[in-house]
Amino acid sequence: MVKIRLRRDGAKKSPYYTMVVADSRYPADGRFIEKVGTYNPMVEPAVLNVDKEKVLDWIKKGAKPTDTALALIKKAGVEI
């Protein structure tokens, strides 16, 4: 199954997340199919960038967002 999920990047105690489309069998920080956004919770206010067209396209193709990814997608203003 294809999922839209967060991939952790950044240094120790300074996380930076990339929203990716990946096969659920791949490791959490491993291979991915496509990058669809970024999320940086360490700055004030938190920075969230989501490519709305790519996210909607992958959801139409059957990709399932994780709970956290879904919350961030809705926060970015994407109507699912």
N, C-alpha and C. Protein backbone atom coordinates (compact mmCIF):
# COMPACT_ATOMS: atom_id res chain seq x y z
N MET A 1 0.84 -1.18 0.00
CA MET A 1 0.00 0.00 0.00
C MET A 1 0.89 1.25 0.00
N VAL A 2 0.48 2.24 -0.73
CA VAL A 2 1.21 3.50 -0.81
C VAL A 2 0.66 4.46 0.25
N LYS A 3 1.58 5.09 1.00
CA LYS A 3 1.18 5.99 2.08
C LYS A 3 1.85 7.35 1.91
N ILE A 4 1.16 8.37 2.38
CA ILE A 4 1.75 9.70 2.50
C ILE A 4 2.13 9.84 3.96
N ARG A 5 3.43 10.02 4.24
CA ARG A 5 3.89 10.06 5.62
C ARG A 5 5.05 11.02 5.79
N LEU A 6 5.45 11.23 7.04
CA LEU A 6 6.55 12.13 7.33
C LEU A 6 7.85 11.35 7.45
N ARG A 7 8.90 11.94 6.93
CA ARG A 7 10.24 11.36 7.00
C ARG A 7 11.08 12.33 7.81
N ARG A 8 11.73 11.85 8.87
CA ARG A 8 12.50 12.74 9.75
C ARG A 8 13.88 13.00 9.16
N ASP A 9 14.22 14.27 9.08
CA ASP A 9 15.55 14.71 8.67
C ASP A 9 16.05 15.65 9.76
N GLY A 10 17.24 16.16 9.60
CA GLY A 10 17.78 17.12 10.55
C GLY A 10 18.71 16.48 11.56
N ALA A 11 19.30 17.32 12.37
CA ALA A 11 20.28 16.89 13.36
C ALA A 11 19.59 16.42 14.64
N LYS A 12 20.40 15.92 15.54
CA LYS A 12 19.91 15.48 16.84
C LYS A 12 19.26 16.66 17.58
N LYS A 13 18.07 16.45 18.09
CA LYS A 13 17.27 17.45 18.81
C LYS A 13 16.89 18.65 17.94
N SER A 14 16.98 18.50 16.63
CA SER A 14 16.59 19.57 15.72
C SER A 14 15.90 18.95 14.50
N PRO A 15 14.70 18.39 14.70
CA PRO A 15 14.06 17.66 13.61
C PRO A 15 13.51 18.58 12.52
N TYR A 16 13.49 18.03 11.33
CA TYR A 16 12.94 18.69 10.16
C TYR A 16 12.28 17.56 9.38
N TYR A 17 11.04 17.71 9.02
CA TYR A 17 10.31 16.62 8.39
C TYR A 17 10.03 16.89 6.93
N THR A 18 10.09 15.82 6.14
CA THR A 18 9.75 15.87 4.73
C THR A 18 8.52 14.99 4.53
N MET A 19 7.49 15.52 3.91
CA MET A 19 6.30 14.73 3.62
C MET A 19 6.54 14.00 2.31
N VAL A 20 6.48 12.67 2.35
CA VAL A 20 6.80 11.86 1.18
C VAL A 20 5.69 10.86 0.90
N VAL A 21 5.67 10.38 -0.33
CA VAL A 21 4.82 9.28 -0.74
C VAL A 21 5.73 8.06 -0.81
N ALA A 22 5.39 7.02 -0.05
CA ALA A 22 6.26 5.85 0.01
C ALA A 22 5.43 4.57 0.12
N ASP A 23 6.02 3.49 -0.31
CA ASP A 23 5.42 2.17 -0.12
C ASP A 23 5.49 1.86 1.37
N SER A 24 4.44 1.29 1.93
CA SER A 24 4.40 1.03 3.36
C SER A 24 5.43 -0.01 3.80
N ARG A 25 5.98 -0.77 2.86
CA ARG A 25 6.98 -1.77 3.20
C ARG A 25 8.38 -1.18 3.34
N TYR A 26 8.59 0.05 2.88
CA TYR A 26 9.90 0.69 2.99
C TYR A 26 10.11 1.19 4.42
N PRO A 27 11.36 1.28 4.88
CA PRO A 27 11.62 1.83 6.22
C PRO A 27 11.13 3.27 6.34
N ALA A 28 10.86 3.69 7.56
CA ALA A 28 10.30 5.02 7.80
C ALA A 28 11.18 6.13 7.24
N ASP A 29 12.48 6.00 7.32
CA ASP A 29 13.38 7.02 6.80
C ASP A 29 14.13 6.52 5.57
N GLY A 30 13.56 5.53 4.89
CA GLY A 30 14.23 4.94 3.74
C GLY A 30 13.74 5.48 2.41
N ARG A 31 13.65 4.58 1.44
CA ARG A 31 13.24 4.96 0.09
C ARG A 31 11.86 5.58 0.07
N PHE A 32 11.65 6.46 -0.90
CA PHE A 32 10.33 7.04 -1.11
C PHE A 32 10.12 7.25 -2.59
N ILE A 33 8.87 7.43 -2.98
CA ILE A 33 8.50 7.59 -4.38
C ILE A 33 8.61 9.05 -4.80
N GLU A 34 8.02 9.94 -4.00
CA GLU A 34 8.02 11.36 -4.36
C GLU A 34 7.91 12.22 -3.11
N LYS A 35 8.56 13.37 -3.14
CA LYS A 35 8.49 14.36 -2.07
C LYS A 35 7.33 15.30 -2.37
N VAL A 36 6.43 15.49 -1.39
CA VAL A 36 5.26 16.34 -1.62
C VAL A 36 5.16 17.51 -0.66
N GLY A 37 6.11 17.66 0.27
CA GLY A 37 6.06 18.80 1.17
C GLY A 37 7.12 18.75 2.24
N THR A 38 7.17 19.81 3.05
CA THR A 38 8.10 19.90 4.16
C THR A 38 7.39 20.47 5.37
N TYR A 39 7.95 20.18 6.56
CA TYR A 39 7.40 20.69 7.81
C TYR A 39 8.55 20.91 8.78
N ASN A 40 8.68 22.15 9.27
CA ASN A 40 9.72 22.49 10.23
C ASN A 40 9.06 23.02 11.50
N PRO A 41 8.95 22.16 12.54
CA PRO A 41 8.29 22.59 13.77
C PRO A 41 9.21 23.36 14.72
N MET A 42 10.49 23.50 14.40
CA MET A 42 11.44 24.10 15.32
C MET A 42 11.50 25.63 15.27
N VAL A 43 10.91 26.23 14.26
CA VAL A 43 10.90 27.68 14.18
C VAL A 43 9.55 28.21 14.67
N GLU A 44 9.51 29.45 15.03
CA GLU A 44 8.26 30.05 15.51
C GLU A 44 7.82 31.13 14.55
N PRO A 45 6.71 31.04 13.87
CA PRO A 45 5.77 29.91 13.83
C PRO A 45 6.30 28.77 12.95
N ALA A 46 5.75 27.59 13.14
CA ALA A 46 6.17 26.41 12.37
C ALA A 46 5.94 26.64 10.88
N VAL A 47 6.88 26.16 10.06
CA VAL A 47 6.80 26.35 8.61
C VAL A 47 6.28 25.06 7.98
N LEU A 48 5.22 25.19 7.19
CA LEU A 48 4.60 24.04 6.52
C LEU A 48 4.43 24.37 5.05
N ASN A 49 5.04 23.57 4.18
CA ASN A 49 4.91 23.72 2.73
C ASN A 49 4.39 22.41 2.17
N VAL A 50 3.25 22.46 1.48
CA VAL A 50 2.66 21.26 0.90
C VAL A 50 2.30 21.56 -0.55
N ASP A 51 2.69 20.68 -1.47
CA ASP A 51 2.31 20.81 -2.87
C ASP A 51 0.91 20.20 -3.01
N LYS A 52 -0.10 21.06 -3.01
CA LYS A 52 -1.49 20.62 -2.97
C LYS A 52 -1.87 19.74 -4.16
N GLU A 53 -1.38 20.09 -5.35
CA GLU A 53 -1.72 19.32 -6.55
C GLU A 53 -1.16 17.89 -6.46
N LYS A 54 0.08 17.77 -6.00
CA LYS A 54 0.69 16.43 -5.88
C LYS A 54 -0.04 15.59 -4.85
N VAL A 55 -0.39 16.21 -3.71
CA VAL A 55 -1.09 15.46 -2.66
C VAL A 55 -2.44 14.96 -3.16
N LEU A 56 -3.21 15.84 -3.79
CA LEU A 56 -4.51 15.43 -4.31
C LEU A 56 -4.38 14.36 -5.38
N ASP A 57 -3.37 14.48 -6.24
CA ASP A 57 -3.14 13.48 -7.28
C ASP A 57 -2.85 12.11 -6.67
N TRP A 58 -1.99 12.07 -5.64
CA TRP A 58 -1.67 10.78 -5.01
C TRP A 58 -2.86 10.21 -4.25
N ILE A 59 -3.66 11.05 -3.64
CA ILE A 59 -4.85 10.55 -2.94
C ILE A 59 -5.83 9.96 -3.94
N LYS A 60 -5.97 10.60 -5.10
CA LYS A 60 -6.85 10.05 -6.14
C LYS A 60 -6.33 8.72 -6.65
N LYS A 61 -5.01 8.53 -6.64
CA LYS A 61 -4.41 7.27 -7.07
C LYS A 61 -4.52 6.18 -6.01
N GLY A 62 -4.96 6.54 -4.79
CA GLY A 62 -5.17 5.54 -3.75
C GLY A 62 -4.22 5.61 -2.58
N ALA A 63 -3.36 6.61 -2.51
CA ALA A 63 -2.44 6.73 -1.38
C ALA A 63 -3.21 7.13 -0.13
N LYS A 64 -2.86 6.52 1.00
CA LYS A 64 -3.51 6.80 2.27
C LYS A 64 -2.57 7.61 3.15
N PRO A 65 -2.97 8.81 3.58
CA PRO A 65 -2.12 9.58 4.49
C PRO A 65 -2.18 9.02 5.91
N THR A 66 -1.06 9.10 6.63
CA THR A 66 -1.06 8.72 8.04
C THR A 66 -1.82 9.78 8.81
N ASP A 67 -2.09 9.53 10.08
CA ASP A 67 -2.87 10.47 10.89
C ASP A 67 -2.17 11.83 10.98
N THR A 68 -0.87 11.82 11.23
CA THR A 68 -0.12 13.07 11.34
C THR A 68 -0.06 13.79 10.01
N ALA A 69 0.20 13.06 8.94
CA ALA A 69 0.25 13.67 7.61
C ALA A 69 -1.10 14.25 7.23
N LEU A 70 -2.18 13.55 7.56
CA LEU A 70 -3.53 14.05 7.26
C LEU A 70 -3.82 15.36 8.00
N ALA A 71 -3.41 15.43 9.26
CA ALA A 71 -3.61 16.66 10.04
C ALA A 71 -2.84 17.82 9.42
N LEU A 72 -1.62 17.58 8.98
CA LEU A 72 -0.83 18.64 8.37
C LEU A 72 -1.38 19.04 7.00
N ILE A 73 -1.88 18.07 6.25
CA ILE A 73 -2.47 18.36 4.94
C ILE A 73 -3.70 19.25 5.12
N LYS A 74 -4.53 18.92 6.10
CA LYS A 74 -5.72 19.75 6.37
C LYS A 74 -5.33 21.13 6.87
N LYS A 75 -4.27 21.21 7.68
CA LYS A 75 -3.79 22.49 8.17
C LYS A 75 -3.28 23.37 7.04
N ALA A 76 -2.74 22.74 5.99
CA ALA A 76 -2.25 23.48 4.82
C ALA A 76 -3.39 23.97 3.93
N GLY A 77 -4.60 23.50 4.20
CA GLY A 77 -5.75 23.99 3.45
C GLY A 77 -6.16 23.12 2.27
N VAL A 78 -5.70 21.89 2.23
CA VAL A 78 -6.08 20.99 1.14
C VAL A 78 -7.40 20.33 1.52
N GLU A 79 -8.37 20.43 0.64
CA GLU A 79 -9.69 19.81 0.87
C GLU A 79 -9.68 18.40 0.32
N ILE A 80 -9.87 17.43 1.20
CA ILE A 80 -9.87 16.02 0.77
C ILE A 80 -11.29 15.52 0.72
